[in-house]
Protein backbone atom coordinates (compact mmCIF):
# COMPACT_ATOMS: atom_id res chain seq x y z
CA MET A 1 -80.55 -3.27 -102.53
CA GLU A 2 -84.21 -1.35 -102.45
CA ARG A 3 -86.44 -2.38 -104.98
CA PRO A 4 -88.01 0.30 -107.10
CA GLU A 5 -91.98 0.28 -106.87
CA GLY A 6 -93.87 -1.81 -109.42
CA ILE A 7 -90.73 -4.17 -109.80
CA LYS A 8 -91.92 -7.80 -108.75
CA GLN A 9 -89.87 -10.44 -106.93
CA LYS A 10 -88.36 -13.35 -108.78
CA PRO A 11 -91.25 -16.33 -108.23
CA GLU A 12 -90.06 -19.30 -106.67
CA ASN A 13 -90.42 -21.37 -109.66
CA ASN A 14 -89.25 -18.95 -112.37
CA ASP A 15 -85.42 -19.42 -114.06
CA ASN A 16 -83.42 -15.97 -113.91
CA ASN A 17 -83.59 -16.15 -117.60
CA SER A 18 -87.33 -16.40 -118.04
CA PRO A 19 -89.17 -13.43 -120.13
CA GLU A 20 -91.32 -13.12 -117.14
CA TYR A 21 -88.89 -12.19 -114.71
CA ILE A 22 -86.99 -10.41 -117.29
CA SER A 23 -89.80 -7.99 -118.02
CA GLU A 24 -89.91 -7.44 -114.17
CA LEU A 25 -86.43 -6.16 -113.53
CA PRO A 26 -85.20 -2.74 -112.69
CA SER A 27 -83.49 -1.35 -115.90
CA VAL A 28 -79.79 -1.07 -115.28
CA ARG A 29 -80.10 2.85 -115.15
CA GLN A 30 -82.44 2.62 -111.92
CA GLN A 31 -80.14 -0.17 -110.92
CA LEU A 32 -77.09 2.39 -111.25
CA GLU A 33 -79.37 5.16 -109.71
CA LEU A 34 -79.68 3.05 -106.40
CA LEU A 35 -76.43 1.58 -106.41
CA ALA A 36 -73.95 4.27 -107.31
CA SER A 37 -75.71 7.80 -107.03
CA ASP A 38 -73.45 10.01 -104.79
CA GLU A 39 -76.10 9.24 -101.80
CA ALA A 40 -75.75 5.36 -102.38
CA LEU A 41 -71.97 5.61 -102.53
CA SER A 42 -71.79 7.57 -99.24
CA ASN A 43 -74.39 5.32 -97.50
CA GLU A 44 -72.44 2.23 -98.74
CA LEU A 45 -68.65 3.52 -97.56
CA ALA A 46 -70.30 4.79 -94.13
CA SER A 47 -72.16 1.02 -93.72
CA LEU A 48 -69.30 -0.96 -94.48
CA GLN A 49 -67.08 0.84 -92.72
CA TYR A 50 -68.94 0.31 -89.38
CA GLU A 51 -69.71 -3.30 -90.20
CA LEU A 52 -65.97 -3.72 -90.13
CA ALA A 53 -65.10 -2.09 -87.08
CA ASN A 54 -68.01 -3.41 -85.19
CA ASP A 55 -68.63 -7.09 -86.23
CA SER A 56 -67.23 -9.69 -83.94
CA ASP A 57 -66.32 -12.13 -86.93
CA TYR A 58 -64.60 -9.53 -88.73
CA LEU A 59 -62.61 -8.34 -85.79
CA MET A 60 -61.05 -12.12 -85.49
CA PHE A 61 -60.10 -12.43 -89.28
CA PRO A 62 -57.22 -9.79 -89.04
CA GLU A 63 -55.83 -11.82 -86.20
CA THR A 64 -55.67 -15.05 -88.31
CA GLU A 65 -54.06 -13.05 -91.22
CA THR A 66 -51.35 -11.59 -89.00
CA GLU A 67 -50.80 -14.98 -87.52
CA ILE A 68 -50.33 -16.38 -91.05
CA ASP A 69 -48.00 -13.31 -92.30
CA ARG A 70 -45.69 -14.13 -89.08
CA LEU A 71 -45.66 -17.91 -90.21
CA LYS A 72 -44.57 -17.06 -93.51
CA ALA A 73 -41.74 -14.93 -92.23
CA GLU A 74 -40.69 -17.55 -90.07
CA LEU A 75 -40.58 -20.05 -92.65
CA ARG A 76 -38.53 -17.69 -95.10
CA GLU A 77 -36.08 -17.74 -92.39
CA THR A 78 -35.91 -21.19 -91.02
CA GLU A 79 -33.21 -23.90 -91.81
CA SER A 80 -35.09 -26.70 -90.27
CA THR A 81 -36.58 -29.19 -92.90
CA THR A 82 -38.84 -30.48 -90.16
CA ARG A 83 -39.63 -27.21 -88.81
CA ALA A 84 -40.57 -25.69 -92.47
CA PHE A 85 -42.56 -28.60 -92.83
CA GLN A 86 -44.56 -27.78 -89.58
CA LEU A 87 -44.89 -24.32 -90.64
CA GLY A 88 -46.04 -25.33 -93.88
CA ARG A 89 -48.85 -26.97 -92.66
CA GLN A 90 -50.02 -24.61 -89.99
CA ILE A 91 -50.00 -21.87 -92.98
CA ARG A 92 -52.14 -24.34 -95.04
CA ASP A 93 -54.39 -25.06 -92.51
CA LEU A 94 -55.53 -21.54 -91.30
CA GLU A 95 -55.63 -20.31 -94.94
CA LYS A 96 -57.88 -23.76 -95.67
CA SER A 97 -60.12 -22.15 -92.69
CA LEU A 98 -60.32 -18.53 -93.83
CA GLN A 99 -61.25 -19.52 -97.41
CA SER A 100 -63.64 -21.98 -96.42
CA ASN A 101 -65.16 -19.45 -94.62
CA PRO A 102 -68.32 -17.83 -96.71
CA LYS A 103 -67.96 -14.68 -94.02
CA TYR A 104 -64.36 -14.45 -94.49
CA ILE A 105 -64.75 -13.99 -98.28
CA HIS A 106 -67.75 -11.45 -97.74
CA TYR A 107 -65.06 -9.54 -95.46
CA VAL A 108 -62.72 -9.57 -98.05
CA HIS A 109 -64.79 -7.97 -100.57
CA SER A 110 -65.90 -5.26 -97.90
CA LYS A 111 -62.49 -3.95 -97.46
CA GLU A 112 -62.06 -3.68 -101.21
CA ILE A 113 -65.32 -1.96 -101.83
CA VAL A 114 -64.40 0.55 -98.60
CA LYS A 115 -60.75 0.89 -100.33
CA THR A 116 -62.15 1.76 -103.80
CA LEU A 117 -64.87 3.98 -102.25
CA GLU A 118 -62.50 6.22 -100.48
CA GLN A 119 -60.27 6.46 -103.42
CA SER A 120 -63.25 7.33 -106.11
CA PRO A 121 -66.95 7.03 -106.82
CA LYS A 122 -66.90 3.63 -108.27
CA ARG A 123 -68.60 1.04 -106.08
CA PRO A 124 -67.42 -2.66 -106.87
CA VAL A 125 -70.18 -5.18 -106.79
CA TYR A 126 -69.73 -9.05 -106.76
CA ALA A 127 -71.41 -11.44 -109.37
CA ASP A 128 -72.57 -13.74 -106.47
CA SER A 129 -74.21 -10.74 -104.72
CA PRO A 130 -78.19 -10.02 -105.27
CA GLU A 131 -77.50 -6.83 -106.82
CA GLY A 132 -74.69 -8.47 -109.14
CA GLY A 133 -77.29 -11.06 -110.24
CA LEU A 134 -80.02 -8.37 -111.04
CA LEU A 135 -77.65 -6.29 -112.63
CA ILE A 136 -76.20 -8.64 -115.34
CA ASN A 137 -79.45 -9.85 -115.99
CA ALA A 138 -80.96 -6.40 -116.60
CA LEU A 139 -77.81 -5.89 -118.79
CA GLN A 140 -78.52 -9.37 -121.04
CA ALA A 141 -82.43 -8.43 -121.74
CA GLU A 142 -81.06 -5.09 -123.49
CA THR A 143 -81.72 -4.22 -126.93
CA GLY A 144 -78.48 -2.56 -128.24
CA ILE A 145 -78.03 -0.23 -131.05
CA ASN A 146 -76.64 -2.65 -133.40
CA PRO A 147 -79.28 -5.68 -133.68
CA LEU A 148 -77.47 -8.21 -135.77
CA ASN A 149 -78.88 -9.94 -138.37
CA ASP A 150 -78.87 -13.18 -140.73
CA GLN A 151 -76.53 -11.88 -143.26
CA ALA A 152 -73.28 -12.31 -141.07
CA PRO A 153 -70.72 -13.90 -143.25
CA PHE A 154 -69.16 -16.21 -141.20
CA MET A 155 -72.42 -17.16 -139.31
CA ASP A 156 -71.55 -21.10 -140.48
CA TYR A 157 -67.88 -20.87 -138.90
CA LYS A 158 -68.23 -23.88 -137.23
CA SER A 159 -68.29 -25.59 -140.55
CA ASN A 160 -65.32 -23.52 -141.90
CA THR A 161 -61.91 -24.90 -143.00
CA ALA A 162 -58.43 -23.31 -142.48
CA GLU A 163 -58.92 -21.64 -145.52
CA ALA A 164 -62.26 -20.62 -145.88
CA TRP A 165 -61.42 -17.24 -144.54
CA LYS A 166 -59.47 -16.29 -147.54
CA TYR A 167 -62.49 -16.85 -150.17
CA VAL A 168 -64.73 -14.45 -148.50
CA PRO A 169 -64.65 -11.05 -150.48
CA GLU A 170 -63.24 -8.35 -148.34
CA ALA A 171 -65.40 -5.82 -150.02
CA ALA A 172 -68.35 -7.76 -149.02
CA ILE A 173 -67.51 -7.82 -145.30
CA LYS A 174 -66.42 -4.19 -145.22
CA ASP A 175 -69.85 -3.08 -146.63
CA TYR A 176 -71.46 -5.32 -143.80
CA LEU A 177 -69.23 -4.34 -140.79
CA ASP A 178 -69.44 -0.71 -142.08
CA SER A 179 -73.40 -1.01 -142.02
CA PHE A 180 -73.24 -0.98 -137.87
CA HIS A 181 -73.18 2.23 -136.05
CA PHE A 182 -69.82 3.31 -135.02
CA ILE A 183 -69.04 5.83 -132.09
CA ASN A 184 -66.15 7.50 -131.87
CA GLU A 185 -64.04 6.04 -129.12
CA LYS A 186 -61.71 8.95 -128.42
CA MET A 187 -64.78 10.74 -126.84
CA ARG A 188 -64.03 10.92 -122.69
CA LEU A 189 -66.75 9.62 -121.02
CA GLU A 190 -66.95 9.64 -117.23
CA GLY A 191 -69.43 9.31 -114.33
CA ASN A 192 -70.17 7.53 -110.96
CA MET A 193 -69.51 3.86 -111.96
CA VAL A 194 -70.36 0.25 -110.65
CA LEU A 195 -67.72 -2.42 -111.21
CA LEU A 196 -69.18 -6.11 -111.97
CA ARG A 197 -66.73 -8.66 -110.72
CA ASN A 198 -66.08 -12.45 -110.45
CA ASP A 199 -64.01 -14.76 -108.86
CA GLN A 200 -61.08 -16.18 -111.15
CA HIS A 201 -63.06 -19.59 -110.87
CA SER A 202 -66.15 -18.27 -112.44
CA ASP A 203 -67.95 -18.16 -115.96
CA PRO A 204 -67.14 -14.48 -117.46
CA PHE A 205 -69.89 -12.35 -118.09
CA VAL A 206 -72.32 -12.38 -121.33
CA ILE A 207 -72.78 -9.30 -122.75
CA PRO A 208 -74.73 -8.99 -126.10
CA THR A 209 -73.12 -8.23 -128.89
CA SER A 210 -75.63 -5.61 -130.19
CA LEU A 211 -74.95 -3.33 -127.37
CA PHE A 212 -71.08 -2.74 -128.73
CA ALA A 213 -70.70 0.94 -130.35
CA SER A 214 -67.06 1.39 -130.11
CA ALA A 215 -63.75 -0.04 -130.01
CA PRO A 216 -60.51 1.03 -129.00
CA GLY A 217 -58.26 1.56 -131.78
CA PHE A 218 -61.11 1.37 -134.52
CA GLU A 219 -61.87 4.29 -136.94
CA SER A 220 -65.11 2.12 -137.90
CA TRP A 221 -66.14 -1.33 -137.51
CA SER A 222 -63.80 -2.14 -140.47
CA GLY A 223 -60.92 -1.80 -137.92
CA ARG A 224 -57.65 0.57 -137.99
CA SER A 225 -56.38 2.16 -140.65
CA ASP A 226 -54.45 0.11 -143.21
CA ALA A 227 -51.42 2.02 -142.21
CA ASN A 228 -51.40 0.58 -138.47
CA GLY A 229 -51.67 -2.97 -138.95
CA LYS A 230 -52.50 -5.75 -136.25
CA GLY A 231 -49.35 -7.95 -135.33
CA TRP A 232 -50.42 -11.52 -135.12
CA ASN A 233 -48.24 -15.21 -134.79
CA SER A 234 -51.16 -17.97 -135.37
CA ASP A 235 -51.17 -21.29 -137.56
CA TYR A 236 -52.68 -19.22 -140.39
CA GLY A 237 -49.51 -16.92 -140.39
CA LEU A 238 -47.45 -14.17 -138.51
CA GLY A 239 -46.31 -10.51 -139.01
CA VAL A 240 -48.76 -7.57 -139.34
CA ALA A 241 -52.19 -7.85 -141.27
CA ASN A 242 -54.69 -5.14 -141.92
CA SER A 243 -57.96 -5.60 -139.39
CA ILE A 244 -60.10 -7.25 -142.02
CA ASP A 245 -57.81 -10.09 -142.37
CA VAL A 246 -57.59 -10.40 -138.28
CA MET A 247 -61.18 -10.25 -138.12
CA LYS A 248 -61.91 -12.63 -140.69
CA HIS A 249 -59.24 -15.01 -139.41
CA TYR A 250 -60.88 -15.16 -135.78
CA ALA A 251 -64.29 -15.51 -137.09
CA SER A 252 -63.77 -18.39 -139.39
CA LEU A 253 -61.89 -20.50 -136.24
CA PRO A 254 -64.15 -23.38 -135.59
CA THR A 255 -64.11 -22.48 -131.74
CA GLU A 256 -65.58 -19.89 -129.18
CA LEU A 257 -64.26 -16.54 -129.34
CA PRO A 258 -62.14 -15.99 -126.04
CA PRO A 259 -63.63 -13.42 -123.51
CA VAL A 260 -62.13 -9.44 -123.19
CA ASP A 261 -60.66 -8.56 -120.04
CA LEU A 262 -63.15 -5.92 -119.53
CA VAL A 263 -65.82 -3.77 -121.26
CA ASN A 264 -67.35 -0.65 -120.32
CA VAL A 265 -71.06 -0.44 -120.37
CA TYR A 266 -72.29 3.27 -120.81
CA VAL A 267 -76.01 3.94 -119.43
CA GLN A 268 -77.41 7.35 -120.43
CA PRO A 269 -79.78 9.34 -118.92
CA ASP A 270 -82.49 8.57 -120.84
CA GLY A 271 -81.55 4.69 -119.84
CA ARG A 272 -80.23 3.88 -123.37
CA ILE A 273 -76.86 1.85 -123.40
CA PHE A 274 -74.04 1.11 -125.65
CA ALA A 275 -70.70 -0.55 -124.76
CA LYS A 276 -67.01 -0.71 -125.53
CA ASN A 277 -64.28 -2.86 -124.69
CA HIS A 278 -61.84 -1.30 -122.60
CA SER A 279 -58.42 -2.11 -124.60
CA ASP A 280 -57.92 -5.70 -125.44
CA GLY A 281 -60.20 -7.43 -128.04
CA SER A 282 -61.39 -5.21 -130.56
CA HIS A 283 -60.94 -7.63 -133.44
CA ARG A 284 -62.61 -10.42 -131.39
CA ILE A 285 -65.56 -8.14 -131.20
CA GLY A 286 -65.38 -7.17 -134.67
CA ALA A 287 -65.39 -11.24 -135.40
CA ALA A 288 -68.67 -11.82 -133.12
CA PHE A 289 -70.17 -9.14 -135.56
CA LEU A 290 -69.01 -11.14 -138.68
CA ARG A 291 -70.27 -14.45 -136.69
CA GLY A 292 -73.42 -12.57 -136.00
CA ASP A 293 -72.67 -13.93 -132.49
CA ALA A 294 -75.64 -12.69 -130.20
CA THR A 295 -73.48 -12.45 -127.09
CA MET A 296 -69.91 -11.55 -126.20
CA LYS A 297 -68.10 -12.80 -123.20
CA ALA A 298 -66.00 -10.56 -120.93
CA LYS A 299 -64.19 -11.36 -117.55
CA SER A 300 -65.25 -7.77 -116.13
CA VAL A 301 -67.89 -5.31 -116.58
CA ASP A 302 -67.52 -1.30 -115.76
CA PHE A 303 -70.98 0.45 -115.75
CA VAL A 304 -70.71 3.97 -116.30
CA MET A 305 -73.49 6.62 -115.10
CA LEU A 306 -73.32 9.26 -118.03
CA ASP A 307 -74.99 12.84 -117.27
CA ARG A 308 -75.49 13.63 -120.84
CA ASN A 309 -77.15 11.62 -123.94
CA ILE A 310 -74.58 10.29 -126.61
CA LEU A 311 -77.22 8.40 -128.66
CA THR A 312 -79.64 10.92 -129.65
CA ASP A 313 -81.20 9.10 -132.79
């Protein structure tokens, strides 16, 4: 990826998260301009299509994949135990050979990127790529619209008992949650996108909680209306509960909050950023506010380049 003028390379002895490095990173908006402008998307598609059609190693991989498919088809049809054993060993050996080849992993990623780019203005970027590493480091350095403070009702959640959450006054929790800025999630926000992806064995992405400004299904950070409760089933009860009680339940557990599946990160033309979960996890994010958790985890992150500023204050 082309590096914007004035941005220094990371020193060899500088950890990725050190202040000196973070301060020198291109902003998230700068990186999206380089990765997901119309010109960048067009150039990336043409480059990958050429690479897939001309790289000698890449041209060999489809032959191996076809052979694996042929062996699997024969395995499904054979009635011989001996032959089935032989076929299974051949398949495992071929698959292991492919999966252990770093260039094959890059080939698979390139095919997926091409498929996505051909269908929409979206560019997948993988976490282990230089672009992915820069993007997530820059995101973690952002200051969000909802900075947390030391008044979080469940800041000491690790010392809570199974019953402790019941004794936190609901009014105090609602007042605390309603002090945070909330954006109407019904707005339809679109733009060119970068899809940050990880493999299934990697750690989730870490997102600053302060960036979250909306959550699907919520009317405010206090959650859903009382007429639209949350179904749950846990050691603490089952049935339908209001959002405040569900968030209190999650916040009081002595364990880390599970990651949400997908977070949308919206990046304005002026560079300001806000985030929301895509579908699942609204109550977990509310619980993160109640705990005063500095970060929330997500399995995937979609960056959306907005063409207008939503946050204007």
